[in-house]
Amino acid sequence: MTTPLTVEQLKPRLGRLTLIDVRSPGEYAGGHIPGALNIPLDQLDRALPALRAAAGKNELAVVCAAGPRSRSACRQLADAGVTALVVTGGTNAWTEAGHPVDRIAGARPVWAMDRQVRLTAGSIVLLGLLVDLALRGARWVSAAIGGGLVFSALSNSCAMAALLGKLPYNRPRPGTPTLDATLATLATLDR
C-alpha cells in the first residue's frame, strides 16, 4: 500500500523531499512540478540503486499525470524495499489547484500517456470495424486490441503505452535532462 500525498501537502514540502516524475520525457518537458526529477516509468528499474540511495537521504515522492503510473512506480519501489509517497491526482491536480509548473524551453505540451493510449486503441478498433465492412475478418484486429486492453488492466501494464513512449514527441527534447543526468543529480542530493 502506498501512502498518498495531496498536492496541498506536497507544496510546503517541495525542496525538503525528492520528487520523481515518472511520465515520458515529452510529458515532463511540457510541464512538471518545480523541482521534480524525470525518471520515466519504463526506466525505473535502471534507476533503483540511485532511488534507494536518495530515499535514504530524503523522503521520496512519486508523481505522474493523474496517479496510475505513480502508484505503479511506488509498487515497484516497495517491491525493491524503497518507501515512497504517491502524489494524489498527479501533475493534473497540481495545475488544477493553480500551482505553477516548470517547462523545458521550446517544449510543447504533450497529451498524457493514458490519453494517447485511448486515442490509439479507439482508432484501431474503429478502423478494424470499418475495414471489416470491405474485408471480412478485419474485425479480429479490433478484438485483439480489446483483449490487449483487458490484459493491460489485469496486469497493470501497457504494451501500447510502452510503444507510444518511443515516438518522437514522447522522447527527450533538447534541454530535457537525460536519465543519466537525473541519476547524477540524485547522487548529489544531501539531506
N, C-alpha and C. Protein backbone atom coordinates (compact mmCIF):
# COMPACT_ATOMS: atom_id res chain seq x y z
N MET A 1 0.84 -1.18 0.00
CA MET A 1 0.00 0.00 0.00
C MET A 1 0.89 1.25 0.00
N THR A 2 0.56 2.19 -0.86
CA THR A 2 1.33 3.42 -0.93
C THR A 2 0.67 4.49 -0.07
N THR A 3 1.48 5.39 0.42
CA THR A 3 0.97 6.49 1.24
C THR A 3 0.67 7.67 0.33
N PRO A 4 -0.58 8.15 0.34
CA PRO A 4 -0.93 9.29 -0.52
C PRO A 4 -0.45 10.61 0.05
N LEU A 5 -0.16 11.53 -0.87
CA LEU A 5 0.26 12.87 -0.52
C LEU A 5 -0.52 13.81 -1.44
N THR A 6 -1.36 14.66 -0.89
CA THR A 6 -2.12 15.59 -1.72
C THR A 6 -1.20 16.70 -2.22
N VAL A 7 -1.64 17.40 -3.26
CA VAL A 7 -0.81 18.50 -3.77
C VAL A 7 -0.69 19.61 -2.74
N GLU A 8 -1.69 19.80 -1.91
CA GLU A 8 -1.61 20.82 -0.87
C GLU A 8 -0.62 20.42 0.21
N GLN A 9 -0.49 19.12 0.48
CA GLN A 9 0.52 18.64 1.42
C GLN A 9 1.92 18.69 0.80
N LEU A 10 1.97 18.48 -0.52
CA LEU A 10 3.25 18.49 -1.23
C LEU A 10 3.87 19.88 -1.29
N LYS A 11 3.05 20.88 -1.57
CA LYS A 11 3.56 22.23 -1.83
C LYS A 11 4.54 22.73 -0.77
N PRO A 12 4.21 22.68 0.52
CA PRO A 12 5.17 23.20 1.51
C PRO A 12 6.38 22.29 1.71
N ARG A 13 6.32 21.07 1.18
CA ARG A 13 7.42 20.13 1.36
C ARG A 13 8.38 20.11 0.18
N LEU A 14 8.05 20.85 -0.90
CA LEU A 14 8.96 20.91 -2.05
C LEU A 14 10.32 21.41 -1.57
N GLY A 15 11.36 20.79 -2.04
CA GLY A 15 12.71 21.16 -1.63
C GLY A 15 13.18 20.38 -0.41
N ARG A 16 12.23 19.81 0.35
CA ARG A 16 12.60 19.00 1.51
C ARG A 16 12.46 17.51 1.22
N LEU A 17 11.81 17.18 0.11
CA LEU A 17 11.71 15.79 -0.30
C LEU A 17 12.19 15.67 -1.73
N THR A 18 12.44 14.46 -2.17
CA THR A 18 12.88 14.21 -3.54
C THR A 18 11.64 13.80 -4.34
N LEU A 19 11.31 14.60 -5.34
CA LEU A 19 10.11 14.37 -6.15
C LEU A 19 10.52 13.77 -7.49
N ILE A 20 9.98 12.60 -7.80
CA ILE A 20 10.29 11.88 -9.04
C ILE A 20 9.05 11.88 -9.92
N ASP A 21 9.20 12.37 -11.15
CA ASP A 21 8.12 12.41 -12.15
C ASP A 21 8.35 11.24 -13.10
N VAL A 22 7.40 10.29 -13.14
CA VAL A 22 7.59 9.07 -13.92
C VAL A 22 6.93 9.12 -15.30
N ARG A 23 6.54 10.32 -15.74
CA ARG A 23 5.96 10.45 -17.08
C ARG A 23 7.04 10.37 -18.15
N SER A 24 6.61 10.34 -19.40
CA SER A 24 7.57 10.32 -20.51
C SER A 24 8.33 11.64 -20.53
N PRO A 25 9.53 11.66 -21.12
CA PRO A 25 10.27 12.92 -21.20
C PRO A 25 9.50 14.03 -21.92
N GLY A 26 8.70 13.67 -22.93
CA GLY A 26 7.90 14.68 -23.63
C GLY A 26 6.85 15.30 -22.73
N GLU A 27 6.17 14.47 -21.93
CA GLU A 27 5.19 14.99 -20.98
C GLU A 27 5.87 15.88 -19.94
N TYR A 28 6.99 15.41 -19.43
CA TYR A 28 7.75 16.15 -18.42
C TYR A 28 8.18 17.52 -18.96
N ALA A 29 8.70 17.54 -20.19
CA ALA A 29 9.17 18.80 -20.78
C ALA A 29 8.04 19.80 -20.94
N GLY A 30 6.83 19.30 -21.23
CA GLY A 30 5.68 20.18 -21.44
C GLY A 30 5.17 20.84 -20.17
N GLY A 31 5.57 20.37 -19.01
CA GLY A 31 5.16 20.98 -17.75
C GLY A 31 5.27 20.01 -16.59
N HIS A 32 6.09 20.34 -15.61
CA HIS A 32 6.27 19.48 -14.44
C HIS A 32 6.32 20.32 -13.17
N ILE A 33 6.06 19.68 -12.06
CA ILE A 33 6.10 20.35 -10.76
C ILE A 33 7.53 20.82 -10.51
N PRO A 34 7.70 22.08 -10.08
CA PRO A 34 9.05 22.60 -9.85
C PRO A 34 9.87 21.68 -8.93
N GLY A 35 11.08 21.40 -9.37
CA GLY A 35 11.99 20.56 -8.60
C GLY A 35 11.86 19.07 -8.88
N ALA A 36 10.86 18.66 -9.65
CA ALA A 36 10.68 17.24 -9.96
C ALA A 36 11.79 16.77 -10.89
N LEU A 37 12.25 15.55 -10.64
CA LEU A 37 13.26 14.92 -11.48
C LEU A 37 12.56 13.86 -12.33
N ASN A 38 12.91 13.78 -13.61
CA ASN A 38 12.24 12.86 -14.53
C ASN A 38 12.95 11.52 -14.62
N ILE A 39 12.23 10.48 -14.19
CA ILE A 39 12.65 9.10 -14.40
C ILE A 39 11.44 8.39 -14.98
N PRO A 40 11.39 8.22 -16.31
CA PRO A 40 10.24 7.57 -16.92
C PRO A 40 9.99 6.19 -16.30
N LEU A 41 8.73 5.83 -16.18
CA LEU A 41 8.36 4.57 -15.54
C LEU A 41 9.09 3.38 -16.15
N ASP A 42 9.27 3.38 -17.46
CA ASP A 42 9.95 2.25 -18.09
C ASP A 42 11.45 2.22 -17.81
N GLN A 43 11.99 3.24 -17.14
CA GLN A 43 13.40 3.30 -16.77
C GLN A 43 13.61 3.14 -15.26
N LEU A 44 12.53 2.87 -14.54
CA LEU A 44 12.61 2.82 -13.08
C LEU A 44 13.57 1.74 -12.57
N ASP A 45 13.56 0.58 -13.20
CA ASP A 45 14.47 -0.49 -12.76
C ASP A 45 15.92 -0.05 -12.82
N ARG A 46 16.28 0.64 -13.89
CA ARG A 46 17.67 1.13 -14.05
C ARG A 46 18.03 2.14 -12.96
N ALA A 47 17.03 2.88 -12.50
CA ALA A 47 17.27 3.94 -11.52
C ALA A 47 17.16 3.46 -10.07
N LEU A 48 16.79 2.21 -9.85
CA LEU A 48 16.57 1.72 -8.49
C LEU A 48 17.72 1.97 -7.53
N PRO A 49 18.96 1.68 -7.89
CA PRO A 49 20.05 1.95 -6.92
C PRO A 49 20.12 3.42 -6.51
N ALA A 50 19.98 4.33 -7.47
CA ALA A 50 20.03 5.76 -7.15
C ALA A 50 18.81 6.18 -6.32
N LEU A 51 17.66 5.60 -6.61
CA LEU A 51 16.45 5.94 -5.85
C LEU A 51 16.54 5.39 -4.43
N ARG A 52 17.10 4.21 -4.28
CA ARG A 52 17.29 3.64 -2.94
C ARG A 52 18.20 4.55 -2.11
N ALA A 53 19.29 5.02 -2.72
CA ALA A 53 20.21 5.91 -2.01
C ALA A 53 19.53 7.24 -1.69
N ALA A 54 18.77 7.78 -2.64
CA ALA A 54 18.08 9.06 -2.41
C ALA A 54 17.05 8.93 -1.30
N ALA A 55 16.34 7.79 -1.27
CA ALA A 55 15.33 7.58 -0.22
C ALA A 55 15.97 7.49 1.16
N GLY A 56 17.24 7.11 1.21
CA GLY A 56 17.95 7.07 2.49
C GLY A 56 18.34 8.46 2.98
N LYS A 57 18.35 9.44 2.08
CA LYS A 57 18.73 10.81 2.43
C LYS A 57 17.51 11.70 2.66
N ASN A 58 16.51 11.57 1.80
CA ASN A 58 15.30 12.40 1.86
C ASN A 58 14.08 11.52 1.64
N GLU A 59 12.95 12.01 2.08
CA GLU A 59 11.71 11.34 1.77
C GLU A 59 11.50 11.39 0.25
N LEU A 60 10.97 10.33 -0.32
CA LEU A 60 10.78 10.21 -1.76
C LEU A 60 9.28 10.30 -2.07
N ALA A 61 8.92 11.09 -3.08
CA ALA A 61 7.54 11.16 -3.55
C ALA A 61 7.55 10.95 -5.06
N VAL A 62 6.50 10.33 -5.57
CA VAL A 62 6.41 10.00 -6.99
C VAL A 62 5.15 10.61 -7.56
N VAL A 63 5.28 11.19 -8.77
CA VAL A 63 4.16 11.86 -9.43
C VAL A 63 4.12 11.45 -10.90
N CYS A 64 2.92 11.45 -11.46
CA CYS A 64 2.73 11.27 -12.90
C CYS A 64 1.66 12.28 -13.32
N ALA A 65 0.92 12.01 -14.35
CA ALA A 65 -0.11 12.95 -14.80
C ALA A 65 -1.32 12.94 -13.88
N ALA A 66 -1.83 11.73 -13.55
CA ALA A 66 -3.06 11.64 -12.76
C ALA A 66 -2.97 10.68 -11.59
N GLY A 67 -2.02 9.78 -11.58
CA GLY A 67 -1.87 8.88 -10.45
C GLY A 67 -1.57 7.42 -10.76
N PRO A 68 -2.10 6.84 -11.84
CA PRO A 68 -1.87 5.41 -12.07
C PRO A 68 -0.40 5.02 -12.23
N ARG A 69 0.36 5.78 -13.01
CA ARG A 69 1.77 5.43 -13.20
C ARG A 69 2.57 5.63 -11.93
N SER A 70 2.25 6.66 -11.15
CA SER A 70 2.99 6.87 -9.90
C SER A 70 2.66 5.77 -8.89
N ARG A 71 1.41 5.29 -8.87
CA ARG A 71 1.08 4.16 -7.98
C ARG A 71 1.84 2.90 -8.41
N SER A 72 1.90 2.69 -9.73
CA SER A 72 2.66 1.54 -10.24
C SER A 72 4.14 1.66 -9.86
N ALA A 73 4.69 2.86 -10.00
CA ALA A 73 6.10 3.09 -9.64
C ALA A 73 6.31 2.83 -8.14
N CYS A 74 5.39 3.30 -7.32
CA CYS A 74 5.52 3.09 -5.87
C CYS A 74 5.46 1.60 -5.52
N ARG A 75 4.64 0.83 -6.24
CA ARG A 75 4.61 -0.61 -6.01
C ARG A 75 5.95 -1.24 -6.39
N GLN A 76 6.51 -0.82 -7.53
CA GLN A 76 7.83 -1.33 -7.94
C GLN A 76 8.88 -0.97 -6.89
N LEU A 77 8.83 0.26 -6.42
CA LEU A 77 9.80 0.68 -5.41
C LEU A 77 9.62 -0.11 -4.12
N ALA A 78 8.37 -0.30 -3.70
CA ALA A 78 8.11 -1.06 -2.48
C ALA A 78 8.62 -2.50 -2.61
N ASP A 79 8.42 -3.10 -3.78
CA ASP A 79 8.93 -4.46 -4.02
C ASP A 79 10.45 -4.51 -3.91
N ALA A 80 11.11 -3.38 -4.17
CA ALA A 80 12.57 -3.30 -4.08
C ALA A 80 13.02 -2.78 -2.70
N GLY A 81 12.06 -2.60 -1.79
CA GLY A 81 12.41 -2.16 -0.45
C GLY A 81 12.57 -0.66 -0.29
N VAL A 82 12.04 0.12 -1.24
CA VAL A 82 12.15 1.57 -1.20
C VAL A 82 10.78 2.16 -0.88
N THR A 83 10.72 2.99 0.15
CA THR A 83 9.47 3.62 0.54
C THR A 83 9.30 4.94 -0.21
N ALA A 84 8.09 5.16 -0.75
CA ALA A 84 7.81 6.41 -1.46
C ALA A 84 6.35 6.80 -1.28
N LEU A 85 6.12 8.08 -1.30
CA LEU A 85 4.76 8.63 -1.26
C LEU A 85 4.26 8.79 -2.69
N VAL A 86 2.95 8.70 -2.88
CA VAL A 86 2.38 8.92 -4.21
C VAL A 86 1.57 10.21 -4.18
N VAL A 87 1.82 11.10 -5.14
CA VAL A 87 1.11 12.38 -5.20
C VAL A 87 -0.27 12.13 -5.81
N THR A 88 -1.29 12.30 -4.99
CA THR A 88 -2.67 12.06 -5.39
C THR A 88 -3.10 13.04 -6.48
N GLY A 89 -3.60 12.50 -7.57
CA GLY A 89 -4.08 13.35 -8.66
C GLY A 89 -2.98 13.82 -9.59
N GLY A 90 -1.73 13.64 -9.21
CA GLY A 90 -0.59 13.95 -10.06
C GLY A 90 -0.45 15.40 -10.47
N THR A 91 0.25 15.59 -11.58
CA THR A 91 0.51 16.93 -12.09
C THR A 91 -0.79 17.62 -12.49
N ASN A 92 -1.77 16.83 -12.93
CA ASN A 92 -3.08 17.43 -13.27
C ASN A 92 -3.69 18.12 -12.05
N ALA A 93 -3.66 17.45 -10.90
CA ALA A 93 -4.21 18.05 -9.67
C ALA A 93 -3.40 19.28 -9.27
N TRP A 94 -2.09 19.22 -9.48
CA TRP A 94 -1.22 20.34 -9.16
C TRP A 94 -1.63 21.59 -9.96
N THR A 95 -1.79 21.43 -11.27
CA THR A 95 -2.15 22.58 -12.11
C THR A 95 -3.58 23.02 -11.87
N GLU A 96 -4.48 22.07 -11.61
CA GLU A 96 -5.88 22.42 -11.32
C GLU A 96 -5.98 23.24 -10.03
N ALA A 97 -5.04 23.03 -9.11
CA ALA A 97 -5.02 23.80 -7.86
C ALA A 97 -4.41 25.19 -8.07
N GLY A 98 -3.97 25.47 -9.30
CA GLY A 98 -3.44 26.78 -9.62
C GLY A 98 -1.95 26.95 -9.35
N HIS A 99 -1.27 25.85 -9.09
CA HIS A 99 0.17 25.91 -8.82
C HIS A 99 0.94 25.96 -10.14
N PRO A 100 2.08 26.65 -10.16
CA PRO A 100 2.86 26.77 -11.41
C PRO A 100 3.61 25.49 -11.74
N VAL A 101 3.91 25.34 -13.02
CA VAL A 101 4.76 24.23 -13.47
C VAL A 101 5.98 24.81 -14.18
N ASP A 102 7.04 24.05 -14.19
CA ASP A 102 8.23 24.41 -14.95
C ASP A 102 8.14 23.71 -16.30
N ARG A 103 8.63 24.38 -17.33
CA ARG A 103 8.64 23.81 -18.67
C ARG A 103 10.05 23.89 -19.23
N ILE A 104 10.39 22.94 -20.07
CA ILE A 104 11.66 22.97 -20.79
C ILE A 104 11.46 23.95 -21.94
N ALA A 105 12.40 24.86 -22.12
CA ALA A 105 12.29 25.89 -23.16
C ALA A 105 12.01 25.25 -24.52
N GLY A 106 11.01 25.79 -25.19
CA GLY A 106 10.65 25.34 -26.53
C GLY A 106 9.76 24.10 -26.56
N ALA A 107 9.47 23.51 -25.42
CA ALA A 107 8.65 22.30 -25.39
C ALA A 107 7.17 22.66 -25.49
N ARG A 108 6.47 21.85 -26.26
CA ARG A 108 5.02 22.00 -26.34
C ARG A 108 4.39 20.96 -25.43
N PRO A 109 3.22 21.27 -24.86
CA PRO A 109 2.55 20.26 -24.04
C PRO A 109 2.25 19.01 -24.86
N VAL A 110 2.42 17.86 -24.25
CA VAL A 110 2.15 16.57 -24.87
C VAL A 110 0.99 15.93 -24.12
N TRP A 111 0.10 15.27 -24.84
CA TRP A 111 -1.00 14.57 -24.18
C TRP A 111 -0.47 13.57 -23.18
N ALA A 112 -1.19 13.38 -22.10
CA ALA A 112 -0.84 12.36 -21.12
C ALA A 112 -0.89 10.99 -21.80
N MET A 113 -0.06 10.07 -21.34
CA MET A 113 0.06 8.77 -21.98
C MET A 113 -1.27 8.02 -22.00
N ASP A 114 -2.06 8.09 -20.95
CA ASP A 114 -3.34 7.38 -20.96
C ASP A 114 -4.26 7.92 -22.06
N ARG A 115 -4.20 9.21 -22.31
CA ARG A 115 -5.00 9.80 -23.38
C ARG A 115 -4.48 9.34 -24.75
N GLN A 116 -3.17 9.26 -24.91
CA GLN A 116 -2.59 8.76 -26.16
C GLN A 116 -3.01 7.31 -26.40
N VAL A 117 -3.02 6.50 -25.34
CA VAL A 117 -3.41 5.10 -25.47
C VAL A 117 -4.89 5.00 -25.86
N ARG A 118 -5.74 5.80 -25.21
CA ARG A 118 -7.18 5.74 -25.54
C ARG A 118 -7.41 6.12 -27.00
N LEU A 119 -6.73 7.18 -27.48
CA LEU A 119 -6.89 7.59 -28.88
C LEU A 119 -6.42 6.50 -29.83
N THR A 120 -5.25 5.94 -29.57
CA THR A 120 -4.70 4.92 -30.46
C THR A 120 -5.56 3.65 -30.45
N ALA A 121 -5.91 3.17 -29.27
CA ALA A 121 -6.71 1.95 -29.18
C ALA A 121 -8.09 2.17 -29.82
N GLY A 122 -8.73 3.27 -29.51
CA GLY A 122 -10.04 3.55 -30.10
C GLY A 122 -9.98 3.67 -31.61
N SER A 123 -8.93 4.31 -32.12
CA SER A 123 -8.78 4.47 -33.57
C SER A 123 -8.58 3.12 -34.25
N ILE A 124 -7.77 2.25 -33.65
CA ILE A 124 -7.54 0.93 -34.24
C ILE A 124 -8.81 0.09 -34.21
N VAL A 125 -9.55 0.15 -33.10
CA VAL A 125 -10.81 -0.60 -33.01
C VAL A 125 -11.78 -0.11 -34.07
N LEU A 126 -11.97 1.19 -34.17
CA LEU A 126 -12.90 1.76 -35.15
C LEU A 126 -12.46 1.43 -36.57
N LEU A 127 -11.18 1.58 -36.86
CA LEU A 127 -10.67 1.26 -38.19
C LEU A 127 -10.86 -0.21 -38.53
N GLY A 128 -10.61 -1.09 -37.56
CA GLY A 128 -10.81 -2.53 -37.77
C GLY A 128 -12.24 -2.85 -38.12
N LEU A 129 -13.19 -2.21 -37.44
CA LEU A 129 -14.61 -2.45 -37.72
C LEU A 129 -15.00 -1.90 -39.09
N LEU A 130 -14.49 -0.73 -39.45
CA LEU A 130 -14.81 -0.14 -40.76
C LEU A 130 -14.20 -0.96 -41.90
N VAL A 131 -12.95 -1.37 -41.74
CA VAL A 131 -12.30 -2.17 -42.78
C VAL A 131 -13.01 -3.52 -42.93
N ASP A 132 -13.57 -4.04 -41.83
CA ASP A 132 -14.27 -5.32 -41.87
C ASP A 132 -15.48 -5.28 -42.81
N LEU A 133 -16.02 -4.09 -43.04
CA LEU A 133 -17.14 -3.97 -43.97
C LEU A 133 -16.71 -4.35 -45.39
N ALA A 134 -15.47 -4.10 -45.73
CA ALA A 134 -14.97 -4.42 -47.07
C ALA A 134 -14.11 -5.68 -47.08
N LEU A 135 -13.44 -5.95 -45.99
CA LEU A 135 -12.50 -7.08 -45.92
C LEU A 135 -12.84 -7.91 -44.70
N ARG A 136 -13.62 -8.97 -44.92
CA ARG A 136 -14.06 -9.82 -43.81
C ARG A 136 -12.89 -10.31 -42.97
N GLY A 137 -13.04 -10.29 -41.68
CA GLY A 137 -12.02 -10.77 -40.77
C GLY A 137 -11.20 -9.67 -40.13
N ALA A 138 -11.30 -8.46 -40.68
CA ALA A 138 -10.52 -7.35 -40.12
C ALA A 138 -10.98 -7.00 -38.71
N ARG A 139 -12.21 -7.39 -38.36
CA ARG A 139 -12.71 -7.08 -37.01
C ARG A 139 -11.90 -7.76 -35.93
N TRP A 140 -11.15 -8.81 -36.31
CA TRP A 140 -10.34 -9.51 -35.32
C TRP A 140 -9.19 -8.64 -34.82
N VAL A 141 -8.80 -7.65 -35.62
CA VAL A 141 -7.81 -6.67 -35.15
C VAL A 141 -8.41 -5.90 -33.97
N SER A 142 -9.69 -5.52 -34.12
CA SER A 142 -10.39 -4.81 -33.04
C SER A 142 -10.48 -5.70 -31.81
N ALA A 143 -10.79 -6.99 -32.03
CA ALA A 143 -10.88 -7.92 -30.90
C ALA A 143 -9.53 -8.06 -30.20
N ALA A 144 -8.45 -8.09 -30.97
CA ALA A 144 -7.12 -8.20 -30.37
C ALA A 144 -6.80 -6.98 -29.51
N ILE A 145 -7.17 -5.80 -30.00
CA ILE A 145 -6.94 -4.58 -29.20
C ILE A 145 -7.77 -4.64 -27.92
N GLY A 146 -9.02 -5.07 -28.02
CA GLY A 146 -9.86 -5.22 -26.83
C GLY A 146 -9.25 -6.19 -25.83
N GLY A 147 -8.73 -7.32 -26.33
CA GLY A 147 -8.08 -8.29 -25.46
C GLY A 147 -6.83 -7.70 -24.82
N GLY A 148 -6.09 -6.92 -25.60
CA GLY A 148 -4.90 -6.27 -25.06
C GLY A 148 -5.24 -5.29 -23.95
N LEU A 149 -6.35 -4.57 -24.11
CA LEU A 149 -6.77 -3.62 -23.08
C LEU A 149 -7.19 -4.34 -21.80
N VAL A 150 -7.88 -5.48 -21.95
CA VAL A 150 -8.26 -6.27 -20.78
C VAL A 150 -7.01 -6.78 -20.07
N PHE A 151 -6.06 -7.33 -20.84
CA PHE A 151 -4.80 -7.80 -20.25
C PHE A 151 -4.07 -6.65 -19.55
N SER A 152 -4.08 -5.49 -20.18
CA SER A 152 -3.42 -4.31 -19.61
C SER A 152 -4.01 -3.97 -18.25
N ALA A 153 -5.33 -4.00 -18.16
CA ALA A 153 -5.99 -3.69 -16.89
C ALA A 153 -5.68 -4.74 -15.83
N LEU A 154 -5.71 -6.01 -16.22
CA LEU A 154 -5.47 -7.08 -15.25
C LEU A 154 -4.02 -7.14 -14.77
N SER A 155 -3.09 -6.84 -15.67
CA SER A 155 -1.67 -6.93 -15.32
C SER A 155 -1.10 -5.60 -14.85
N ASN A 156 -1.88 -4.52 -15.00
CA ASN A 156 -1.43 -3.17 -14.68
C ASN A 156 -0.15 -2.82 -15.43
N SER A 157 -0.13 -3.23 -16.69
CA SER A 157 0.97 -2.89 -17.58
C SER A 157 0.34 -2.49 -18.91
N CYS A 158 1.10 -1.86 -19.77
CA CYS A 158 0.51 -1.45 -21.04
C CYS A 158 1.58 -1.44 -22.13
N ALA A 159 1.52 -2.46 -22.98
CA ALA A 159 2.48 -2.55 -24.08
C ALA A 159 2.29 -1.39 -25.06
N MET A 160 1.03 -0.97 -25.26
CA MET A 160 0.78 0.14 -26.19
C MET A 160 1.43 1.42 -25.67
N ALA A 161 1.34 1.67 -24.37
CA ALA A 161 1.97 2.86 -23.79
C ALA A 161 3.48 2.78 -23.95
N ALA A 162 4.04 1.58 -23.78
CA ALA A 162 5.49 1.43 -23.94
C ALA A 162 5.90 1.75 -25.38
N LEU A 163 5.10 1.31 -26.34
CA LEU A 163 5.41 1.61 -27.74
C LEU A 163 5.22 3.09 -28.05
N LEU A 164 4.12 3.67 -27.56
CA LEU A 164 3.87 5.10 -27.80
C LEU A 164 4.96 5.96 -27.16
N GLY A 165 5.50 5.50 -26.05
CA GLY A 165 6.55 6.24 -25.37
C GLY A 165 7.82 6.38 -26.19
N LYS A 166 7.96 5.55 -27.21
CA LYS A 166 9.15 5.60 -28.06
C LYS A 166 8.97 6.54 -29.26
N LEU A 167 7.76 7.07 -29.44
CA LEU A 167 7.53 8.01 -30.55
C LEU A 167 8.28 9.31 -30.29
N PRO A 168 8.64 10.02 -31.35
CA PRO A 168 9.48 11.22 -31.20
C PRO A 168 8.94 12.27 -30.22
N TYR A 169 7.63 12.50 -30.21
CA TYR A 169 7.11 13.56 -29.33
C TYR A 169 7.10 13.16 -27.87
N ASN A 170 7.30 11.89 -27.56
CA ASN A 170 7.37 11.44 -26.17
C ASN A 170 8.81 11.27 -25.70
N ARG A 171 9.76 11.44 -26.59
CA ARG A 171 11.16 11.27 -26.24
C ARG A 171 11.74 12.59 -25.74
N PRO A 172 12.92 12.52 -25.16
CA PRO A 172 13.52 13.76 -24.62
C PRO A 172 13.69 14.82 -25.70
N ARG A 173 13.40 16.04 -25.33
CA ARG A 173 13.61 17.19 -26.20
C ARG A 173 14.92 17.85 -25.81
N PRO A 174 15.50 18.64 -26.71
CA PRO A 174 16.71 19.37 -26.31
C PRO A 174 16.45 20.16 -25.03
N GLY A 175 17.32 20.03 -24.09
CA GLY A 175 17.17 20.73 -22.82
C GLY A 175 16.54 19.87 -21.74
N THR A 176 15.91 18.74 -22.11
CA THR A 176 15.34 17.83 -21.12
C THR A 176 16.46 17.00 -20.54
N PRO A 177 16.57 16.95 -19.21
CA PRO A 177 17.65 16.16 -18.61
C PRO A 177 17.53 14.69 -19.02
N THR A 178 18.65 14.08 -19.34
CA THR A 178 18.67 12.65 -19.65
C THR A 178 18.55 11.86 -18.35
N LEU A 179 18.29 10.57 -18.49
CA LEU A 179 18.23 9.73 -17.30
C LEU A 179 19.57 9.74 -16.58
N ASP A 180 20.67 9.69 -17.32
CA ASP A 180 22.00 9.72 -16.68
C ASP A 180 22.20 11.02 -15.89
N ALA A 181 21.75 12.14 -16.44
CA ALA A 181 21.87 13.42 -15.73
C ALA A 181 21.01 13.41 -14.47
N THR A 182 19.82 12.84 -14.56
CA THR A 182 18.94 12.74 -13.39
C THR A 182 19.57 11.87 -12.32
N LEU A 183 20.14 10.75 -12.72
CA LEU A 183 20.80 9.86 -11.75
C LEU A 183 21.99 10.54 -11.09
N ALA A 184 22.71 11.33 -11.87
CA ALA A 184 23.84 12.09 -11.29
C ALA A 184 23.32 13.12 -10.29
N THR A 185 22.20 13.77 -10.59
CA THR A 185 21.60 14.73 -9.67
C THR A 185 21.18 14.04 -8.38
N LEU A 186 20.56 12.85 -8.51
CA LEU A 186 20.15 12.10 -7.32
C LEU A 186 21.36 11.77 -6.45
N ALA A 187 22.47 11.46 -7.08
CA ALA A 187 23.68 11.11 -6.32
C ALA A 187 24.24 12.29 -5.53
N THR A 188 23.95 13.50 -5.95
CA THR A 188 24.48 14.68 -5.26
C THR A 188 23.54 15.23 -4.20
N LEU A 189 22.34 14.68 -4.09
CA LEU A 189 21.40 15.20 -3.10
C LEU A 189 21.87 14.94 -1.69
N ASP A 190 21.73 15.95 -0.85
CA ASP A 190 22.07 15.81 0.57
C ASP A 190 20.81 15.93 1.38
N ARG A 191 20.91 15.55 2.57
CA ARG A 191 19.77 15.65 3.48
C ARG A 191 19.46 17.08 3.81
